[in-house]
Amino acid sequence: MTPNLPSSATLPALGLGTFPFSGVFTSLDQQVAGEILSTYVENGGWYVETAPVYAPNGISLEQLVKSVGREKLFIATKCVTGRDASGTTVRSGKGDHLRQQCHDELKRLGVDHLDLLQLHTVPEDADAQESFGTLQGLKDEGLVRNVGLSNVSLSQLQEFAAVGPVDFVQNRFSFIYRAQHREIEDFCLANGTLLNPYQVIERGLLTDSPRETFRDGDLRNSKYEYRGDVYAYIRSWVLSDLRPIAEAHGISVTQLALGWALYQPAVGVVPVGATSTEQVRANMRASAGPLPAGVVAEMEWAFERLEGAVRDRVGLSLDEYRGL
């Protein structure tokens, strides 16, 4: 099985996530969002990801798509989780609901097909046959080119795969968060499924200068892993252990984090958000070539030191310490 990708697409690739357009980190408007997208495409980008649950924040993705040209984009979106007319979050894996969400996304984005439609989460009100079977039906009809899953365990992935081919799997995954990664990766390599992981730079933590504090209204204020001693300790490690590796090789910590993800065998696309054109240009440099194996080895040694230090300090695994 080979996912249906643009003929010009090369893998692995860096994608553009539009979650930051919702204003969850900093305020953005239509003009800035348009500049971000056009800069991404001008630098060789083609994969753009959204979801119906993302707050529009006054930004029209339909206009953004038109501004750069539909033919230049691989548009990925999700279903199950969405918002009703009143803005209330609604979750359902029922066939009628997923089919309606697909048509709503086609209308919202102003396109006649979606390049990728993924279940945003495992439905609680429908089995794999009904939910993923509906996506397979939409694919057969030509409304969707690829179908996938998100936030799944290996056993869930296998259950859905029994219904039909899984083109993409999107779980949270980064250099410092690898839950279930290897077993998911093995499945993907065996079945021709591509990983398109999210939160690869940990919402700005894996950068050269991760912020000490966040503005009022920033999403990260509500997350345990970005607060207090936990965040301060990991931030200190980024600056003391990870940044010197980046500096020694003439690249940024962001490029390290993205390059490490792109280095992983099953990863096809790494979607990453941006709030400025400068971030887009810097991020795209990470996909210019593979990260050397020696650099990956240095990173792994740094990661092992972090895991050991956390266990010695608090008697917890890194994931447990971060509340994950």
Protein backbone atom coordinates (compact mmCIF):
# COMPACT_ATOMS: atom_id res chain seq x y z
CA MET A 1 0.00 0.00 0.00
CA THR A 2 1.26 3.46 -0.94
CA PRO A 3 -0.53 6.63 0.22
CA ASN A 4 -1.88 8.84 -2.55
CA LEU A 5 0.59 11.74 -2.55
CA PRO A 6 1.30 14.56 -5.03
CA SER A 7 3.65 13.47 -7.82
CA SER A 8 6.15 16.13 -6.74
CA ALA A 9 6.11 15.13 -3.07
CA THR A 10 9.33 13.89 -1.51
CA LEU A 11 9.46 12.12 1.84
CA PRO A 12 10.09 12.71 4.63
CA ALA A 13 8.70 16.23 4.52
CA LEU A 14 7.83 19.07 6.84
CA GLY A 15 4.15 20.00 6.98
CA LEU A 16 2.40 23.15 8.15
CA GLY A 17 -0.03 22.77 11.05
CA THR A 18 -2.68 25.47 11.32
CA PHE A 19 -3.57 25.00 15.00
CA PRO A 20 -1.65 28.22 15.88
CA PHE A 21 -4.01 30.12 13.54
CA SER A 22 -6.63 29.57 16.27
CA GLY A 23 -4.83 32.13 18.45
CA VAL A 24 -3.93 29.56 21.13
CA PHE A 25 -0.35 30.84 21.45
CA THR A 26 -0.38 34.36 20.05
CA SER A 27 -2.86 36.49 18.14
CA LEU A 28 -2.79 36.11 14.34
CA ASP A 29 -4.90 37.68 11.59
CA GLN A 30 -5.73 36.79 7.99
CA GLN A 31 -2.78 38.70 6.56
CA VAL A 32 -0.18 37.07 8.82
CA ALA A 33 -1.69 33.62 8.27
CA GLY A 34 -1.53 34.21 4.52
CA GLU A 35 2.11 35.25 4.71
CA ILE A 36 2.92 32.12 6.73
CA LEU A 37 1.24 29.82 4.21
CA SER A 38 2.75 31.51 1.15
CA THR A 39 6.22 31.42 2.71
CA TYR A 40 5.79 27.72 3.47
CA VAL A 41 4.80 26.94 -0.14
CA GLU A 42 7.55 29.15 -1.57
CA ASN A 43 10.05 27.11 0.44
CA GLY A 44 8.88 23.81 -1.01
CA GLY A 45 6.05 22.94 1.38
CA TRP A 46 2.93 21.08 0.24
CA TYR A 47 1.22 19.47 3.28
CA VAL A 48 -1.24 21.66 5.23
CA GLU A 49 -3.16 20.34 8.23
CA THR A 50 -6.29 21.60 9.93
CA ALA A 51 -9.26 20.26 11.92
CA PRO A 52 -12.90 21.34 12.30
CA VAL A 53 -12.44 21.76 16.05
CA TYR A 54 -9.79 24.46 15.61
CA ALA A 55 -11.26 27.87 16.43
CA PRO A 56 -11.42 29.94 13.21
CA ASN A 57 -10.20 33.10 15.01
CA GLY A 58 -11.50 35.19 12.11
CA ILE A 59 -9.21 33.44 9.62
CA SER A 60 -10.64 31.96 6.42
CA LEU A 61 -8.74 28.88 5.33
CA GLU A 62 -10.72 28.87 2.10
CA GLN A 63 -9.20 32.22 1.18
CA LEU A 64 -5.75 31.04 2.19
CA VAL A 65 -6.06 27.97 -0.05
CA LYS A 66 -7.19 30.12 -2.96
CA SER A 67 -4.35 32.57 -2.41
CA VAL A 68 -1.64 29.96 -3.04
CA GLY A 69 -3.58 27.62 -5.33
CA ARG A 70 -5.35 24.38 -4.46
CA GLU A 71 -3.14 22.39 -6.83
CA LYS A 72 -0.07 23.20 -4.74
CA LEU A 73 -1.47 21.77 -1.50
CA PHE A 74 -2.08 18.41 0.12
CA ILE A 75 -4.89 19.27 2.55
CA ALA A 76 -5.27 17.12 5.66
CA THR A 77 -8.09 17.43 8.16
CA LYS A 78 -9.89 15.37 10.79
CA CYS A 79 -13.28 14.21 11.95
CA VAL A 80 -15.10 12.78 15.00
CA THR A 81 -14.39 15.90 17.09
CA GLY A 82 -15.97 19.12 15.87
CA ARG A 83 -18.17 22.03 16.83
CA ASP A 84 -21.90 22.49 16.36
CA ALA A 85 -23.56 25.73 15.27
CA SER A 86 -23.36 27.12 18.81
CA GLY A 87 -19.64 26.39 19.09
CA THR A 88 -20.11 23.47 21.48
CA THR A 89 -17.65 20.61 21.04
CA VAL A 90 -19.30 17.50 19.62
CA ARG A 91 -17.72 14.03 19.37
CA SER A 92 -19.20 11.16 17.40
CA GLY A 93 -17.97 8.35 15.19
CA LYS A 94 -21.40 7.58 13.76
CA GLY A 95 -21.42 7.25 9.99
CA ASP A 96 -23.88 10.10 9.35
CA HIS A 97 -21.87 12.44 11.57
CA LEU A 98 -18.55 11.65 9.88
CA ARG A 99 -20.03 11.97 6.43
CA GLN A 100 -21.52 15.35 7.33
CA GLN A 101 -18.20 16.50 8.79
CA CYS A 102 -16.48 15.56 5.55
CA HIS A 103 -18.92 17.65 3.51
CA ASP A 104 -18.66 20.52 6.00
CA GLU A 105 -14.86 20.49 5.67
CA LEU A 106 -15.08 20.47 1.87
CA LYS A 107 -17.28 23.56 2.11
CA ARG A 108 -15.17 25.27 4.80
CA LEU A 109 -11.99 24.80 2.80
CA GLY A 110 -13.57 25.49 -0.58
CA VAL A 111 -12.31 22.28 -2.19
CA ASP A 112 -13.85 19.33 -4.04
CA HIS A 113 -11.80 16.66 -2.25
CA LEU A 114 -9.71 16.19 0.88
CA ASP A 115 -6.24 14.73 0.50
CA LEU A 116 -6.37 13.19 3.98
CA LEU A 117 -9.19 12.65 6.46
CA GLN A 118 -8.27 11.15 9.84
CA LEU A 119 -10.30 10.12 12.85
CA HIS A 120 -9.14 12.72 15.39
CA THR A 121 -9.70 10.28 18.24
CA VAL A 122 -11.10 6.80 18.75
CA PRO A 123 -14.91 7.17 18.82
CA GLU A 124 -16.76 6.09 21.93
CA ASP A 125 -20.13 5.70 20.24
CA ALA A 126 -19.21 3.67 17.16
CA ASP A 127 -17.05 0.67 16.41
CA ALA A 128 -14.19 0.52 13.93
CA GLN A 129 -16.39 -0.94 11.22
CA GLU A 130 -18.84 1.96 11.32
CA SER A 131 -16.39 4.82 11.83
CA PHE A 132 -13.39 3.79 9.74
CA GLY A 133 -15.67 2.00 7.30
CA THR A 134 -17.35 5.35 6.63
CA LEU A 135 -13.98 6.91 5.83
CA GLN A 136 -13.19 4.03 3.49
CA GLY A 137 -16.51 4.68 1.75
CA LEU A 138 -15.70 8.39 1.35
CA LYS A 139 -12.38 7.36 -0.16
CA ASP A 140 -14.09 5.02 -2.60
CA GLU A 141 -16.35 7.91 -3.65
CA GLY A 142 -13.37 10.15 -4.38
CA LEU A 143 -14.22 12.75 -1.75
CA VAL A 144 -11.13 11.71 0.21
CA ARG A 145 -7.80 10.55 -1.23
CA ASN A 146 -6.24 9.11 1.96
CA VAL A 147 -7.65 8.04 5.33
CA GLY A 148 -6.05 7.67 8.70
CA LEU A 149 -6.19 7.56 12.47
CA SER A 150 -4.97 9.67 15.36
CA ASN A 151 -4.32 9.06 19.04
CA VAL A 152 -4.45 5.27 18.81
CA SER A 153 -2.74 2.40 20.57
CA LEU A 154 -1.28 -0.50 18.61
CA SER A 155 -4.25 -2.75 19.40
CA GLN A 156 -6.68 -0.06 18.23
CA LEU A 157 -4.63 0.51 15.09
CA GLN A 158 -4.79 -3.20 14.31
CA GLU A 159 -8.55 -3.23 14.85
CA PHE A 160 -9.08 -0.35 12.42
CA ALA A 161 -6.66 -1.85 9.90
CA ALA A 162 -8.86 -4.95 9.77
CA VAL A 163 -11.58 -2.70 8.28
CA GLY A 164 -9.40 -1.20 5.55
CA PRO A 165 -5.95 0.20 4.70
CA VAL A 166 -4.61 2.89 7.05
CA ASP A 167 -2.70 5.49 5.03
CA PHE A 168 -1.57 7.72 7.91
CA VAL A 169 -1.30 7.50 11.69
CA GLN A 170 -0.92 10.62 13.81
CA ASN A 171 0.04 10.27 17.46
CA ARG A 172 1.81 12.71 19.72
CA PHE A 173 5.51 12.02 19.33
CA SER A 174 8.73 13.94 19.91
CA PHE A 175 12.35 13.55 20.89
CA ILE A 176 11.32 13.62 24.57
CA TYR A 177 7.95 11.83 24.27
CA ARG A 178 7.96 8.42 22.61
CA ALA A 179 5.05 6.50 24.12
CA GLN A 180 4.27 3.36 22.09
CA HIS A 181 6.36 4.71 19.23
CA ARG A 182 8.42 1.65 18.31
CA GLU A 183 5.49 -0.77 18.15
CA ILE A 184 3.45 1.73 16.10
CA GLU A 185 6.47 2.29 13.87
CA ASP A 186 6.86 -1.45 13.26
CA PHE A 187 3.21 -1.67 12.19
CA CYS A 188 3.62 1.26 9.81
CA LEU A 189 6.76 -0.13 8.20
CA ALA A 190 5.09 -3.50 7.70
CA ASN A 191 1.90 -2.03 6.22
CA GLY A 192 3.03 0.98 4.18
CA THR A 193 1.44 3.42 6.62
CA LEU A 194 3.03 6.83 7.11
CA LEU A 195 3.41 8.54 10.47
CA ASN A 196 2.53 12.24 10.58
CA PRO A 197 3.22 12.91 14.29
CA TYR A 198 2.10 16.02 16.13
CA GLN A 199 3.70 18.22 18.80
CA VAL A 200 7.20 17.36 17.62
CA ILE A 201 8.77 20.53 19.06
CA GLU A 202 6.65 20.28 22.21
CA ARG A 203 4.87 23.59 21.66
CA GLY A 204 8.08 25.56 21.68
CA LEU A 205 9.90 23.71 24.46
CA LEU A 206 12.36 22.12 22.02
CA THR A 207 13.71 25.41 20.68
CA ASP A 208 16.82 27.50 21.26
CA SER A 209 15.15 29.79 23.78
CA PRO A 210 12.02 28.20 25.22
CA ARG A 211 9.90 30.79 26.99
CA GLU A 212 10.01 31.03 30.76
CA THR A 213 6.39 32.22 31.02
CA PHE A 214 3.42 32.50 28.71
CA ARG A 215 0.93 35.29 28.07
CA ASP A 216 -2.56 35.21 29.59
CA GLY A 217 -4.76 33.03 27.43
CA ASP A 218 -1.89 30.91 26.12
CA LEU A 219 -2.92 27.24 25.90
CA ARG A 220 0.27 26.12 27.63
CA ASN A 221 -0.76 27.74 30.91
CA SER A 222 -3.41 25.05 31.30
CA LYS A 223 -1.01 22.13 30.77
CA TYR A 224 0.82 20.57 33.73
CA GLU A 225 3.95 19.86 31.68
CA TYR A 226 4.42 23.60 31.01
CA ARG A 227 4.11 24.77 34.58
CA GLY A 228 6.31 25.11 37.66
CA ASP A 229 9.31 22.96 38.46
CA VAL A 230 8.50 20.37 35.79
CA TYR A 231 8.70 22.84 32.94
CA ALA A 232 11.66 24.71 34.47
CA TYR A 233 13.67 21.50 34.84
CA ILE A 234 13.13 20.31 31.25
CA ARG A 235 13.72 23.83 29.95
CA SER A 236 17.03 23.94 31.82
CA TRP A 237 18.06 20.62 30.23
CA VAL A 238 17.23 21.94 26.75
CA LEU A 239 19.54 24.91 27.35
CA SER A 240 22.35 23.04 29.09
CA ASP A 241 22.43 19.73 27.19
CA LEU A 242 20.57 20.02 23.91
CA ARG A 243 21.47 23.53 22.77
CA PRO A 244 25.25 22.88 22.87
CA ILE A 245 24.78 19.94 20.48
CA ALA A 246 22.91 22.21 18.06
CA GLU A 247 25.50 24.97 18.34
CA ALA A 248 28.37 22.53 17.76
CA HIS A 249 26.81 21.49 14.47
CA GLY A 250 25.73 24.96 13.35
CA ILE A 251 22.00 24.36 13.59
CA SER A 252 19.18 25.24 15.97
CA VAL A 253 17.51 23.14 18.67
CA THR A 254 14.34 23.31 16.58
CA GLN A 255 16.22 21.83 13.65
CA LEU A 256 17.54 19.11 15.94
CA ALA A 257 14.04 18.20 17.15
CA LEU A 258 12.52 18.27 13.67
CA GLY A 259 15.51 16.53 12.11
CA TRP A 260 15.34 13.77 14.70
CA ALA A 261 11.66 13.16 13.91
CA LEU A 262 12.32 13.19 10.16
CA TYR A 263 15.13 10.68 10.77
CA GLN A 264 12.72 8.07 12.17
CA PRO A 265 12.05 5.31 9.59
CA ALA A 266 8.25 5.36 9.43
CA VAL A 267 7.80 9.14 9.55
CA GLY A 268 6.46 10.57 6.29
CA VAL A 269 5.37 14.09 7.22
CA VAL A 270 6.04 16.18 10.31
CA PRO A 271 3.37 18.90 10.66
CA VAL A 272 4.60 21.86 12.71
CA GLY A 273 2.84 25.12 13.42
CA ALA A 274 4.25 28.61 13.04
CA THR A 275 3.24 32.11 14.09
CA SER A 276 5.66 34.01 11.82
CA THR A 277 7.33 33.70 8.45
CA GLU A 278 10.70 33.62 10.20
CA GLN A 279 9.67 30.46 12.02
CA VAL A 280 8.55 28.88 8.75
CA ARG A 281 11.88 29.54 7.05
CA ALA A 282 13.83 28.23 10.04
CA ASN A 283 11.66 25.13 10.28
CA MET A 284 11.96 24.34 6.59
CA ARG A 285 15.74 24.28 6.85
CA ALA A 286 15.35 21.16 9.00
CA SER A 287 14.05 19.20 6.02
CA ALA A 288 16.91 20.23 3.72
CA GLY A 289 18.71 16.95 4.35
CA PRO A 290 18.88 13.99 6.73
CA LEU A 291 20.28 14.54 10.20
CA PRO A 292 23.69 12.81 10.41
CA ALA A 293 23.71 9.58 12.43
CA GLY A 294 26.42 10.99 14.70
CA VAL A 295 24.24 13.92 15.69
CA VAL A 296 21.33 11.58 16.42
CA ALA A 297 23.64 9.53 18.66
CA GLU A 298 24.67 12.66 20.60
CA MET A 299 21.01 13.54 21.06
CA GLU A 300 20.21 10.06 22.33
CA TRP A 301 22.98 10.27 24.92
CA ALA A 302 21.54 13.59 26.10
CA PHE A 303 18.08 12.04 26.31
CA GLU A 304 19.39 9.11 28.36
CA ARG A 305 21.03 11.56 30.77
CA LEU A 306 17.74 13.40 31.17
CA GLU A 307 15.81 10.19 31.82
CA GLY A 308 18.37 9.06 34.39
CA ALA A 309 18.49 12.44 36.12
CA VAL A 310 14.69 12.59 36.43
CA ARG A 311 14.51 9.07 37.84
CA ASP A 312 17.28 9.82 40.36
CA ARG A 313 15.65 13.10 41.31
CA VAL A 314 12.01 12.12 41.75
CA GLY A 315 11.81 8.37 41.18
CA LEU A 316 9.59 8.70 38.12
CA SER A 317 9.92 8.09 34.42
CA LEU A 318 10.24 11.18 32.24
CA ASP A 319 6.67 10.78 30.97
CA GLU A 320 5.31 10.34 34.52
CA TYR A 321 7.27 13.39 35.72
CA ARG A 322 5.72 15.47 32.94
CA GLY A 323 2.24 14.19 33.77
CA LEU A 324 1.82 12.36 30.45
